[in-house]
Amino acid sequence: MKIILVILSSFPIFASSFSFPNERKDVSFQLRAFNAAISSDLDTSDGKITIGKVVFVLPNDATKVKSRFGSNSPYGNPSVLEAAQQLQRKASWFSEGTVDANVVVLPNEQGGFGGIRDVVLNADALIAFNLSRDIDQTFLQDVFEERSMSGRTNMCHYAIDCERNFPPICASYDPESPSLSSSLIPWSMDATSKRMEEQMLRLFERRTSDDFTIALMLFFNQFSGSKIDWVKHSIDATWEKGVVQNAKEFVDMFTKCGDCVAKCIADEKCKECLSALTAIDTRDQVASYRTIVSYESELLRDFSLCILQKNNVFNCDAKIPENPKVLPLKTFRGEPLRAETARRILVGHLDDEISLPGSQRGDISWKVAAGANVAYDQFPSQNQIFYETANRRDMWYDPVFRVETIDGRNIWCKRHYKVRDGPVPGTFSFSVLDNGVTSNEAWTIVDVADDLSYIIFHYAGAASSVGQRYLGGLLCTADGLLPPESKIESIYEKLRSAGIEPWELYVVDNKNDTAGAIDAGPPPLDYFRKDVLKNKMSKQTAN
C-alpha cells in the first residue's frame, strides 16, 4: 500500500468539447536555528545552491504549546517546537538541501524582537504557528504588513492556529484585495498565485508533516525560479503548463494510446475515475491514491500502463529519495544479522518452511499497527505476507489491505511485489506494477524484537513514470495491535533514528468486527501465494 500510483486525469482544457470526463530541551528567548538533521549522516547540503528560505515562527513557550499535528498518533500531539523541527528536517530532505529552513522562537520581551525582524522579513516563506500573546501578534501583524507592501511576488506568509486571523499572501495574490485577473484570466500570474494559495491552505489543514512539506515544495517549485525534483512533474493539464504543452500531451496520448483511451472513456467506472482525478492535483498523493484504489479495474490499468509506463507521455522521472540515511538492524538474537536471517525475519509469523523459531505460523507475516506515510499507510486492515519465490532466489511481498472507497464501499486491494536483497543485510529492493505504474522502493529493517513481537520498517520509493517520490515507515506486530507501553519508548527512539517522529504515526484500524470489515468479507490472503507454492512444489517434484 506504499506504492505510489497516479493515473492520468482528464484534461480540463479539452474536457467540455470532447466530453471527457514531550519536551526535550529548554528554549532560550532568542533566535534559534535548529539543525535539519538527526545526525551528521543526514546532512543534505552537499554545497548546493539555496533556492529559497522558509522560516517557522513559534511562540516563546514553544516547548509547552501543543500543535494540531499528530492527532491520530499513539504519541499524541507534539509541541509546536517538535513539529516545526521535523518540518525543518523534511524541508531539507524533500528539497535535497536546496531549501533553507529555520525555526525562530520569539523572545520573552519586546526588546528582543529587533534581532529577528530581518530574518522573518526576508524569508521567502514565513509560517507562524500558535501565536497568542499580544506582543507576538502585533509583531507578526507589522511583519506581514511590511512584507505585503514590499512588492515581492516570490514570497508567501501564513499564520497557522494563531489567536488572531491573519490573511495570507501567496506570491502576487492577496485575498484581501484580489485583482480581477486572479479570477477572470486563469493563465495570469495572479490566478496561478490564487490557486497555489488555496492548495497550500488545503494541504496545511490536514496537519501532517508530509502534506505541509509538499505544500512548501509546490510553492518553491512554482515561484523560486528553480525546480524541485520532488514535485516538478505534473501529469495534469494545467494553466501553468500552457496550452501548447497541454495540447502536445493530449495529442501524444491519443496517437500512442488511442485504443486504451477510447475503451476507458467508454466504460462508466473508468471514466468516473478520470473525472474524479480532474478535480485534484495528482501531486497530492493522499487524494490521488485514494481515488485510484476506489476505481481499480483492468481498463484503468491498461490505460495508465500505456500512457504513463510504456510511453511516458508526460516525460516524468523520479529517483528513490536518498535522505534521511537509515541504518539497518545490525544484530538479531545476539548474532550479526545475515541476509538469510533478514529474509526469515520478513517471513515473520507466516506458516512457512523458513519461518524462524518464535513465529506464530499463521496466514500472515505481519500486520501493520501504525504507519507514517499519510497517503499509503493509513488504510484499515493491513496484512503483510512475505515468502520466497519458487526458485528461492528472491522473495514476494503481498500487502492485502482494505479500502473505504470514495462512494462508501469496502473492498480488498492486493499488490504483488518482487523483493531482492539490498547491498547490506537488512536492506531490500522492492518493485511492483501497481495499476499500470511501476514503483521501486528501498526498504530497511530498522529494528525487530528477538521474540518477533514487533518490527519497524523504513521505506523510500519512487514511481518514475509519474514523477513521484515518497517516504514512510511501518510499525508492525503479529496481531496489528500496538506493542505494550513497556516497549513503546524504545520503539519511538528507533523510529526517530530513521527520521520518523512518533507523532507522525497513524494507528491502523485492524478490527475484524467493524461494519467496514464485515462488509468487505474475508481478505484474499493467498491470492498470489497459492500459485507460487504450487509452482515451487512442481519444481521440487521435478528435481
Protein backbone atom coordinates (compact mmCIF):
# COMPACT_ATOMS: atom_id res chain seq x y z
CA MET A 1 0.00 0.00 0.00
CA LYS A 2 3.07 2.18 -0.06
CA ILE A 3 3.06 2.12 -3.78
CA ILE A 4 2.73 5.43 -5.43
CA LEU A 5 0.20 5.45 -8.22
CA VAL A 6 -1.09 8.45 -10.03
CA ILE A 7 -3.07 7.97 -13.21
CA LEU A 8 -3.59 10.50 -15.93
CA SER A 9 -6.60 12.61 -15.12
CA SER A 10 -8.82 14.03 -17.82
CA PHE A 11 -7.76 17.31 -19.36
CA PRO A 12 -9.82 20.29 -18.14
CA ILE A 13 -8.93 22.45 -21.13
CA PHE A 14 -10.38 19.91 -23.53
CA ALA A 15 -12.91 18.11 -21.35
CA SER A 16 -16.02 20.03 -22.36
CA SER A 17 -15.53 19.81 -26.11
CA PHE A 18 -14.52 16.14 -26.08
CA SER A 19 -16.95 15.07 -23.30
CA PHE A 20 -14.01 13.84 -21.11
CA PRO A 21 -14.75 13.21 -18.11
CA ASN A 22 7.39 15.54 25.40
CA GLU A 23 9.55 18.37 25.75
CA ARG A 24 13.19 17.59 25.10
CA LYS A 25 15.13 20.75 25.80
CA ASP A 26 14.78 24.29 27.11
CA VAL A 27 14.49 27.08 24.61
CA SER A 28 16.32 30.33 25.16
CA PHE A 29 14.49 33.50 24.31
CA GLN A 30 16.31 34.29 21.13
CA LEU A 31 16.59 33.28 17.51
CA ARG A 32 17.09 29.54 17.29
CA ALA A 33 18.12 27.86 14.05
CA PHE A 34 17.88 24.16 14.71
CA ASN A 35 19.94 21.86 12.53
CA ALA A 36 17.85 19.98 10.00
CA ALA A 37 19.47 16.65 10.67
CA ILE A 38 19.10 13.73 13.01
CA SER A 39 22.80 13.05 12.78
CA SER A 40 25.71 14.21 10.68
CA ASP A 41 24.84 11.41 8.27
CA LEU A 42 21.64 13.22 7.35
CA ASP A 43 23.26 16.38 6.03
CA THR A 44 21.92 17.06 2.55
CA SER A 45 23.58 20.35 1.72
CA ASP A 46 26.41 18.99 -0.46
CA GLY A 47 27.26 22.56 -1.39
CA LYS A 48 24.00 23.01 -3.29
CA ILE A 49 22.69 26.47 -4.07
CA THR A 50 19.85 27.63 -1.84
CA ILE A 51 16.78 28.43 -3.94
CA GLY A 52 14.57 29.60 -1.10
CA LYS A 53 14.30 30.20 2.63
CA VAL A 54 11.44 29.23 4.92
CA VAL A 55 11.15 30.44 8.49
CA PHE A 56 8.84 28.91 11.09
CA VAL A 57 7.91 31.46 13.78
CA LEU A 58 6.94 29.97 17.14
CA PRO A 59 5.70 31.37 20.45
CA ASN A 60 8.04 31.90 23.36
CA ASP A 61 6.69 28.81 25.15
CA ALA A 62 7.04 26.58 22.08
CA THR A 63 8.02 23.53 24.15
CA LYS A 64 4.74 23.69 26.08
CA VAL A 65 2.21 24.66 23.41
CA LYS A 66 0.67 21.64 21.73
CA SER A 67 0.30 21.68 17.97
CA ARG A 68 -2.53 20.11 15.98
CA PHE A 69 -0.17 17.64 14.34
CA GLY A 70 -0.30 14.01 15.46
CA SER A 71 -3.99 13.84 16.31
CA ASN A 72 -4.24 10.24 15.07
CA SER A 73 -0.97 9.02 16.55
CA PRO A 74 -0.36 6.89 19.64
CA TYR A 75 2.09 9.57 20.78
CA GLY A 76 -0.47 12.35 20.69
CA ASN A 77 0.03 15.97 19.70
CA PRO A 78 3.65 17.11 19.75
CA SER A 79 4.71 20.50 20.97
CA VAL A 80 4.78 23.16 18.30
CA LEU A 81 8.58 23.11 18.60
CA GLU A 82 8.75 19.35 17.93
CA ALA A 83 6.50 19.77 14.92
CA ALA A 84 8.48 22.68 13.48
CA GLN A 85 11.79 20.89 13.91
CA GLN A 86 10.51 17.92 11.90
CA LEU A 87 9.14 20.23 9.21
CA GLN A 88 12.58 21.81 9.09
CA ARG A 89 14.21 18.43 8.55
CA LYS A 90 11.72 17.38 5.91
CA ALA A 91 12.09 20.64 4.00
CA SER A 92 15.77 19.77 3.64
CA TRP A 93 15.14 16.15 2.67
CA PHE A 94 12.38 16.88 0.17
CA SER A 95 14.33 19.71 -1.48
CA GLU A 96 17.65 17.84 -1.35
CA GLY A 97 19.16 20.67 0.66
CA THR A 98 18.12 23.49 -1.67
CA VAL A 99 15.50 24.98 0.67
CA ASP A 100 16.98 26.51 3.82
CA ALA A 101 14.58 26.10 6.74
CA ASN A 102 14.95 27.75 10.14
CA VAL A 103 12.95 27.92 13.35
CA VAL A 104 12.55 31.21 15.22
CA VAL A 105 11.28 31.20 18.80
CA LEU A 106 10.01 34.65 19.68
CA PRO A 107 11.73 36.43 22.61
CA ASN A 108 10.17 36.88 26.01
CA GLU A 109 10.45 40.66 25.98
CA GLN A 110 9.51 43.11 23.25
CA GLY A 111 13.03 44.50 23.19
CA GLY A 112 14.31 41.27 21.68
CA PHE A 113 12.23 41.45 18.50
CA GLY A 114 14.68 43.70 16.71
CA GLY A 115 17.24 40.94 16.42
CA ILE A 116 14.91 38.69 14.46
CA ARG A 117 12.97 41.19 12.35
CA ASP A 118 15.21 40.99 9.31
CA VAL A 119 15.19 37.20 9.38
CA VAL A 120 11.41 36.95 9.20
CA LEU A 121 11.02 39.87 6.79
CA ASN A 122 13.43 38.34 4.29
CA ALA A 123 12.00 34.81 4.39
CA ASP A 124 10.61 33.58 1.10
CA ALA A 125 8.05 31.51 3.02
CA LEU A 126 7.09 32.63 6.50
CA ILE A 127 4.88 30.36 8.60
CA ALA A 128 3.78 31.45 12.09
CA PHE A 129 2.36 28.84 14.48
CA ASN A 130 0.18 29.20 17.57
CA LEU A 131 0.87 32.82 18.45
CA SER A 132 -1.42 34.14 21.19
CA ARG A 133 0.40 36.87 23.17
CA ASP A 134 -0.50 40.39 22.13
CA ILE A 135 3.15 41.40 21.62
CA ASP A 136 3.73 38.36 19.38
CA GLN A 137 0.68 39.02 17.26
CA THR A 138 1.41 42.72 16.99
CA PHE A 139 4.91 41.88 15.81
CA LEU A 140 3.53 39.41 13.28
CA GLN A 141 0.97 41.89 12.01
CA ASP A 142 3.66 44.50 11.45
CA VAL A 143 5.84 41.95 9.65
CA PHE A 144 3.00 40.75 7.44
CA GLU A 145 2.05 44.30 6.51
CA GLU A 146 5.62 45.25 5.64
CA ARG A 147 6.04 42.10 3.57
CA SER A 148 2.76 42.76 1.77
CA MET A 149 3.89 46.28 0.85
CA SER A 150 7.29 45.11 -0.42
CA GLY A 151 6.07 44.34 -3.93
CA ARG A 152 7.73 40.90 -3.90
CA THR A 153 5.93 38.28 -5.97
CA ASN A 154 8.04 35.30 -4.97
CA MET A 155 7.18 35.07 -1.30
CA CYS A 156 4.31 33.84 0.87
CA HIS A 157 3.27 34.02 4.50
CA TYR A 158 0.67 32.19 6.57
CA ALA A 159 -0.46 32.25 10.20
CA ILE A 160 -1.47 28.80 11.45
CA ASP A 161 -3.54 28.33 14.63
CA CYS A 162 -2.90 31.86 15.85
CA GLU A 163 -5.40 33.62 18.09
CA ARG A 164 -6.00 36.41 15.59
CA ASN A 165 -6.90 35.93 11.97
CA PHE A 166 -4.04 36.99 9.68
CA PRO A 167 -4.87 36.87 5.96
CA PRO A 168 -2.23 35.01 3.95
CA ILE A 169 -0.26 36.23 0.99
CA CYS A 170 0.92 33.95 -1.79
CA ALA A 171 3.14 35.42 -4.49
CA SER A 172 1.10 38.11 -6.26
CA TYR A 173 -2.26 37.10 -4.76
CA ASP A 174 -3.68 38.98 -1.79
CA PRO A 175 -7.10 37.60 -0.78
CA GLU A 176 -7.88 40.89 0.99
CA SER A 177 -7.62 42.82 -2.29
CA PRO A 178 -7.73 40.32 -5.16
CA SER A 179 -7.20 41.53 -8.68
CA LEU A 180 -9.73 40.88 -11.42
CA SER A 181 -7.17 38.82 -13.29
CA SER A 182 -6.92 36.33 -10.41
CA SER A 183 -10.49 35.26 -11.19
CA LEU A 184 -11.00 36.20 -14.84
CA ILE A 185 -7.67 35.39 -16.50
CA PRO A 186 -6.72 31.84 -15.48
CA TRP A 187 -3.34 31.92 -17.20
CA SER A 188 -2.23 35.06 -15.37
CA MET A 189 0.31 35.18 -12.54
CA ASP A 190 -2.39 36.37 -10.13
CA ALA A 191 -4.57 33.36 -10.97
CA THR A 192 -1.63 30.99 -10.55
CA SER A 193 -0.89 32.60 -7.18
CA LYS A 194 -4.50 32.25 -6.11
CA ARG A 195 -4.60 28.56 -6.99
CA MET A 196 -1.37 28.00 -5.09
CA GLU A 197 -2.66 29.85 -2.03
CA GLU A 198 -5.80 27.73 -1.96
CA GLN A 199 -3.89 24.49 -2.49
CA MET A 200 -1.38 25.28 0.25
CA LEU A 201 -4.17 26.03 2.72
CA ARG A 202 -5.86 22.71 1.93
CA LEU A 203 -2.63 20.83 2.49
CA PHE A 204 -1.81 22.77 5.67
CA GLU A 205 -5.24 21.99 7.10
CA ARG A 206 -4.52 18.25 7.13
CA ARG A 207 -1.83 18.86 9.78
CA THR A 208 0.54 16.17 8.60
CA SER A 209 4.24 16.74 8.10
CA ASP A 210 4.22 15.27 4.59
CA ASP A 211 1.32 17.42 3.37
CA PHE A 212 2.79 20.52 4.99
CA THR A 213 6.19 19.96 3.40
CA ILE A 214 4.67 19.18 0.00
CA ALA A 215 2.80 22.50 0.14
CA LEU A 216 6.08 24.34 0.68
CA MET A 217 7.82 22.40 -2.09
CA LEU A 218 5.00 23.24 -4.52
CA PHE A 219 5.39 26.93 -3.68
CA PHE A 220 9.15 26.99 -4.21
CA ASN A 221 8.85 24.89 -7.36
CA GLN A 222 6.45 27.44 -8.83
CA PHE A 223 7.87 30.75 -7.63
CA SER A 224 11.57 30.35 -6.78
CA GLY A 225 12.74 30.27 -10.39
CA SER A 226 14.14 26.75 -9.87
CA LYS A 227 12.55 23.34 -9.94
CA ILE A 228 12.31 20.94 -7.02
CA ASP A 229 12.60 17.36 -8.20
CA TRP A 230 10.15 16.06 -5.60
CA VAL A 231 7.21 17.97 -7.17
CA LYS A 232 8.44 19.28 -10.53
CA HIS A 233 6.40 16.87 -12.64
CA SER A 234 2.67 17.01 -13.19
CA ILE A 235 0.52 14.65 -15.24
CA ASP A 236 -2.39 17.08 -15.16
CA ALA A 237 -3.40 19.61 -17.75
CA THR A 238 -2.74 22.93 -16.04
CA TRP A 239 -2.71 26.61 -16.93
CA GLU A 240 0.85 26.71 -15.64
CA LYS A 241 1.97 24.28 -18.34
CA GLY A 242 0.34 26.37 -21.05
CA VAL A 243 -1.99 25.46 -23.88
CA VAL A 244 0.78 24.32 -26.23
CA GLN A 245 2.25 21.78 -23.80
CA ASN A 246 -1.19 20.56 -22.76
CA ALA A 247 -2.15 20.10 -26.40
CA LYS A 248 1.05 18.19 -27.16
CA GLU A 249 0.45 15.78 -24.29
CA PHE A 250 -3.17 15.39 -25.36
CA VAL A 251 -2.17 14.51 -28.92
CA ASP A 252 0.57 12.13 -27.75
CA MET A 253 -1.94 10.37 -25.54
CA PHE A 254 -4.28 9.74 -28.47
CA THR A 255 -1.68 8.88 -31.09
CA LYS A 256 0.18 6.43 -28.84
CA CYS A 257 -2.66 5.02 -26.75
CA GLY A 258 -5.85 5.87 -28.58
CA ASP A 259 -7.41 2.43 -28.18
CA CYS A 260 -6.83 2.37 -24.41
CA VAL A 261 -8.18 5.91 -24.08
CA ALA A 262 -11.33 5.09 -26.05
CA LYS A 263 -12.03 1.97 -24.00
CA CYS A 264 -11.57 3.81 -20.72
CA ILE A 265 -13.84 6.68 -21.75
CA ALA A 266 -16.50 4.23 -22.92
CA ASP A 267 -16.51 2.49 -19.51
CA GLU A 268 -18.52 4.30 -16.85
CA LYS A 269 -16.25 3.28 -13.94
CA CYS A 270 -13.02 4.17 -15.72
CA LYS A 271 -14.42 7.47 -16.95
CA GLU A 272 -15.68 8.29 -13.46
CA CYS A 273 -12.16 7.80 -12.11
CA LEU A 274 -10.76 10.23 -14.67
CA SER A 275 -13.42 12.77 -13.74
CA ALA A 276 -12.58 12.41 -10.04
CA LEU A 277 -8.87 12.88 -10.75
CA THR A 278 -9.59 16.02 -12.76
CA ALA A 279 -10.75 17.74 -9.59
CA ILE A 280 -7.41 17.29 -7.78
CA ASP A 281 -3.72 17.93 -8.29
CA THR A 282 -2.34 14.44 -8.78
CA ARG A 283 0.83 15.50 -6.98
CA ASP A 284 -1.42 15.37 -3.90
CA GLN A 285 -0.61 11.75 -3.16
CA VAL A 286 -3.28 11.38 -0.48
CA ALA A 287 -6.19 12.39 -2.69
CA SER A 288 -4.93 10.77 -5.88
CA TYR A 289 -4.14 7.36 -4.42
CA ARG A 290 -7.45 7.07 -2.60
CA THR A 291 -9.22 7.96 -5.82
CA ILE A 292 -7.32 5.34 -7.79
CA VAL A 293 -7.83 2.48 -5.35
CA SER A 294 -11.53 3.34 -5.30
CA TYR A 295 -11.83 2.70 -9.05
CA GLU A 296 -9.35 -0.10 -9.79
CA SER A 297 -10.07 -2.01 -12.99
CA GLU A 298 -8.27 -3.70 -15.86
CA LEU A 299 -9.22 -0.84 -18.16
CA LEU A 300 -7.68 1.71 -15.80
CA ARG A 301 -4.57 -0.44 -15.51
CA ASP A 302 -4.19 -0.73 -19.29
CA PHE A 303 -4.87 2.98 -19.71
CA SER A 304 -2.11 4.03 -17.30
CA LEU A 305 0.28 1.29 -18.43
CA CYS A 306 0.22 2.60 -21.99
CA ILE A 307 0.20 6.34 -21.32
CA LEU A 308 2.43 6.53 -18.27
CA GLN A 309 4.62 3.47 -18.08
CA LYS A 310 5.23 2.43 -21.69
CA ASN A 311 5.18 5.81 -23.42
CA ASN A 312 5.85 8.26 -20.58
CA VAL A 313 3.70 10.85 -22.32
CA PHE A 314 4.43 13.45 -19.64
CA ASN A 315 8.21 12.92 -19.73
CA CYS A 316 8.41 12.28 -15.98
CA ASP A 317 11.27 10.88 -13.94
CA ALA A 318 11.92 10.33 -10.24
CA LYS A 319 14.63 8.74 -8.12
CA ILE A 320 14.26 6.98 -4.79
CA PRO A 321 14.98 9.59 -2.08
CA GLU A 322 18.42 9.24 -0.53
CA ASN A 323 17.66 11.12 2.68
CA PRO A 324 17.31 10.51 5.52
CA LYS A 325 20.08 7.92 5.66
CA VAL A 326 18.67 4.99 7.61
CA LEU A 327 20.82 2.23 9.06
CA PRO A 328 19.52 -1.35 9.24
CA LEU A 329 19.45 -3.59 12.26
CA LYS A 330 22.95 -4.95 12.85
CA THR A 331 22.32 -7.91 15.17
CA PHE A 332 19.47 -10.30 15.84
CA ARG A 333 19.25 -12.65 18.78
CA GLY A 334 22.81 -11.86 19.73
CA GLU A 335 24.34 -12.64 16.33
CA PRO A 336 25.38 -10.39 13.43
CA LEU A 337 22.49 -10.06 11.01
CA ARG A 338 22.96 -12.14 7.86
CA ALA A 339 20.97 -11.81 4.63
CA GLU A 340 19.35 -15.21 5.11
CA THR A 341 18.22 -14.29 8.62
CA ALA A 342 16.88 -10.95 7.40
CA ARG A 343 14.70 -12.79 4.90
CA ARG A 344 13.37 -15.07 7.59
CA ILE A 345 12.55 -12.01 9.69
CA LEU A 346 10.44 -10.71 6.81
CA VAL A 347 8.54 -14.02 6.70
CA GLY A 348 7.70 -13.32 10.33
CA HIS A 349 4.61 -15.12 11.56
CA LEU A 350 3.66 -16.80 8.29
CA ASP A 351 3.36 -20.58 8.30
CA ASP A 352 6.31 -21.20 6.02
CA GLU A 353 9.19 -23.63 5.83
CA ILE A 354 11.74 -20.88 6.57
CA SER A 355 9.84 -19.27 9.45
CA LEU A 356 12.01 -18.52 12.47
CA PRO A 357 11.58 -20.12 15.91
CA GLY A 358 9.04 -17.99 17.74
CA SER A 359 6.88 -17.48 14.66
CA GLN A 360 3.16 -17.91 15.25
CA ARG A 361 2.95 -19.70 11.89
CA GLY A 362 -0.34 -18.22 10.76
CA ASP A 363 -1.66 -16.91 7.45
CA ILE A 364 0.20 -13.57 7.52
CA SER A 365 3.75 -12.42 8.19
CA TRP A 366 2.93 -9.16 9.93
CA LYS A 367 0.03 -6.79 10.46
CA VAL A 368 0.62 -3.03 10.29
CA ALA A 369 -0.16 -1.48 13.67
CA ALA A 370 0.84 2.07 12.68
CA GLY A 371 2.28 3.78 9.62
CA ALA A 372 3.99 7.09 8.94
CA ASN A 373 3.04 7.87 5.33
CA VAL A 374 -0.21 9.78 5.16
CA ALA A 375 -1.09 8.52 1.69
CA TYR A 376 -0.24 4.82 1.83
CA ASP A 377 -0.08 3.63 5.45
CA GLN A 378 -3.47 4.65 6.78
CA PHE A 379 -5.73 2.11 5.12
CA PRO A 380 -7.53 -0.22 7.55
CA SER A 381 -6.84 -3.95 7.95
CA GLN A 382 -3.30 -4.04 6.56
CA ASN A 383 -1.86 -7.53 6.12
CA GLN A 384 1.72 -8.27 5.04
CA ILE A 385 2.73 -11.59 3.52
CA PHE A 386 6.40 -12.32 2.72
CA TYR A 387 7.61 -15.58 1.18
CA GLU A 388 10.26 -16.95 -1.15
CA THR A 389 9.88 -17.15 -4.90
CA ALA A 390 9.57 -20.62 -6.44
CA ASN A 391 13.28 -20.65 -7.33
CA ARG A 392 14.21 -19.36 -3.84
CA ARG A 393 16.50 -16.65 -5.24
CA ASP A 394 14.23 -13.74 -4.33
CA MET A 395 11.06 -13.10 -2.36
CA TRP A 396 7.50 -11.93 -2.88
CA TYR A 397 5.67 -9.39 -0.77
CA ASP A 398 1.88 -9.32 -0.92
CA PRO A 399 0.20 -6.49 1.01
CA VAL A 400 -3.54 -7.06 1.32
CA PHE A 401 -5.42 -4.06 2.69
CA ARG A 402 -8.97 -2.77 2.96
CA VAL A 403 -10.09 0.39 1.20
CA GLU A 404 -13.06 2.52 2.09
CA THR A 405 -13.85 3.85 -1.37
CA ILE A 406 -15.00 7.34 -2.22
CA ASP A 407 -18.54 6.08 -2.78
CA GLY A 408 -18.70 4.24 0.56
CA ARG A 409 -17.90 0.66 -0.40
CA ASN A 410 -15.41 -1.55 1.46
CA ILE A 411 -13.15 -3.60 -0.78
CA TRP A 412 -9.88 -5.54 -0.53
CA CYS A 413 -6.88 -4.38 -2.53
CA LYS A 414 -3.81 -6.51 -3.09
CA ARG A 415 -0.36 -5.99 -4.59
CA HIS A 416 2.43 -8.35 -5.63
CA TYR A 417 5.97 -7.01 -5.07
CA LYS A 418 9.23 -8.60 -6.12
CA VAL A 419 11.76 -8.40 -3.28
CA ARG A 420 15.53 -8.66 -3.74
CA ASP A 421 18.33 -8.43 -1.20
CA GLY A 422 19.83 -4.97 -0.75
CA PRO A 423 23.50 -4.05 -0.51
CA VAL A 424 23.74 -4.98 3.18
CA PRO A 425 21.74 -7.45 5.31
CA GLY A 426 18.50 -5.93 6.50
CA THR A 427 18.01 -3.84 3.34
CA PHE A 428 15.88 -4.82 0.37
CA SER A 429 14.83 -3.59 -3.07
CA PHE A 430 11.10 -3.80 -3.79
CA SER A 431 9.37 -3.35 -7.14
CA VAL A 432 5.73 -3.57 -8.15
CA LEU A 433 3.44 -2.84 -11.08
CA ASP A 434 0.53 -1.08 -9.44
CA ASN A 435 -2.42 -0.37 -11.74
CA GLY A 436 -0.07 0.03 -14.68
CA VAL A 437 2.64 2.09 -12.97
CA THR A 438 5.94 0.67 -11.71
CA SER A 439 7.18 1.72 -8.29
CA ASN A 440 10.63 0.94 -6.93
CA GLU A 441 11.33 1.09 -3.22
CA ALA A 442 14.25 0.71 -0.79
CA TRP A 443 13.21 -0.97 2.46
CA THR A 444 15.19 -1.22 5.70
CA ILE A 445 14.60 -3.31 8.79
CA VAL A 446 15.24 -0.66 11.44
CA ASP A 447 14.53 -2.89 14.42
CA VAL A 448 12.84 -6.16 15.34
CA ALA A 449 12.20 -7.80 18.69
CA ASP A 450 14.05 -11.04 19.32
CA ASP A 451 10.69 -12.66 20.10
CA LEU A 452 9.19 -11.25 16.87
CA SER A 453 6.63 -9.25 18.84
CA TYR A 454 7.22 -6.21 16.61
CA ILE A 455 9.22 -4.99 13.64
CA ILE A 456 9.99 -1.48 12.36
CA PHE A 457 10.41 -0.83 8.63
CA HIS A 458 11.54 2.30 6.84
CA TYR A 459 10.98 2.71 3.12
CA ALA A 460 11.75 5.23 0.41
CA GLY A 461 10.25 4.91 -3.05
CA ALA A 462 9.66 6.44 -6.45
CA ALA A 463 7.30 5.97 -9.36
CA SER A 464 9.41 7.37 -12.17
CA SER A 465 6.74 7.42 -14.87
CA VAL A 466 4.58 9.78 -12.82
CA GLY A 467 7.50 11.72 -11.33
CA GLN A 468 6.71 10.99 -7.71
CA ARG A 469 8.79 10.22 -4.63
CA TYR A 470 7.77 9.21 -1.15
CA LEU A 471 8.99 8.21 2.31
CA GLY A 472 7.36 6.12 5.00
CA GLY A 473 7.70 3.77 7.89
CA LEU A 474 5.77 0.94 9.47
CA LEU A 475 5.42 -0.45 12.97
CA CYS A 476 4.13 -3.99 12.61
CA THR A 477 3.12 -6.73 15.04
CA ALA A 478 1.70 -10.23 14.82
CA ASP A 479 -1.88 -9.13 15.53
CA GLY A 480 -1.87 -5.49 14.40
CA LEU A 481 -2.13 -4.14 17.95
CA LEU A 482 0.40 -1.63 19.25
CA PRO A 483 3.22 -3.01 21.41
CA PRO A 484 2.82 -2.66 25.19
CA GLU A 485 3.72 0.60 26.94
CA SER A 486 6.82 -1.04 28.39
CA LYS A 487 8.34 -1.23 24.91
CA ILE A 488 6.93 1.87 23.28
CA GLU A 489 9.57 4.43 24.34
CA SER A 490 12.45 2.35 22.97
CA ILE A 491 10.43 1.86 19.77
CA TYR A 492 9.95 5.64 19.48
CA GLU A 493 13.72 6.13 19.68
CA LYS A 494 14.27 3.61 16.89
CA LEU A 495 11.70 5.44 14.76
CA ARG A 496 13.47 8.74 15.39
CA SER A 497 16.75 7.17 14.26
CA ALA A 498 15.02 6.57 10.92
CA GLY A 499 13.80 10.16 10.60
CA ILE A 500 10.27 9.35 11.79
CA GLU A 501 8.76 11.20 14.72
CA PRO A 502 6.28 9.07 16.72
CA TRP A 503 3.58 11.73 16.34
CA GLU A 504 3.71 11.13 12.59
CA LEU A 505 2.37 7.61 13.05
CA TYR A 506 -1.23 6.82 12.20
CA VAL A 507 -2.82 3.96 14.15
CA VAL A 508 -4.30 1.41 11.75
CA ASP A 509 -7.79 0.05 12.34
CA ASN A 510 -7.32 -3.73 12.31
CA LYS A 511 -10.60 -4.66 13.98
CA ASN A 512 -12.49 -7.51 12.34
CA ASP A 513 -15.92 -6.68 13.78
CA THR A 514 -16.44 -3.21 12.34
CA ALA A 515 -19.12 -2.58 9.75
CA GLY A 516 -16.46 -1.94 7.10
CA ALA A 517 -14.54 -5.14 7.82
CA ILE A 518 -17.74 -7.21 7.77
CA ASP A 519 -18.83 -5.54 4.54
CA ALA A 520 -15.51 -6.35 2.86
CA GLY A 521 -15.63 -10.05 3.81
CA PRO A 522 -12.60 -12.30 4.27
CA PRO A 523 -9.30 -10.92 2.88
CA PRO A 524 -7.80 -12.76 -0.13
CA LEU A 525 -4.55 -13.51 1.69
CA ASP A 526 -3.39 -16.38 -0.52
CA TYR A 527 -4.39 -14.80 -3.84
CA PHE A 528 -0.83 -14.82 -5.21
CA ARG A 529 0.93 -17.20 -2.84
CA LYS A 530 -1.11 -20.29 -3.67
CA ASP A 531 0.18 -20.28 -7.25
CA VAL A 532 3.78 -19.69 -6.11
CA LEU A 533 3.56 -22.61 -3.68
CA LYS A 534 2.12 -24.80 -6.41
CA ASN A 535 4.95 -23.82 -8.75
CA LYS A 536 7.54 -24.44 -6.04
CA MET A 537 6.12 -27.89 -5.36
CA SER A 538 6.21 -28.71 -9.07
CA LYS A 539 9.88 -27.74 -9.23
CA GLN A 540 10.68 -29.88 -6.20
CA THR A 541 8.85 -32.84 -7.70
CA ALA A 542 10.67 -32.44 -11.00
CA ASN A 543 14.01 -32.46 -9.20
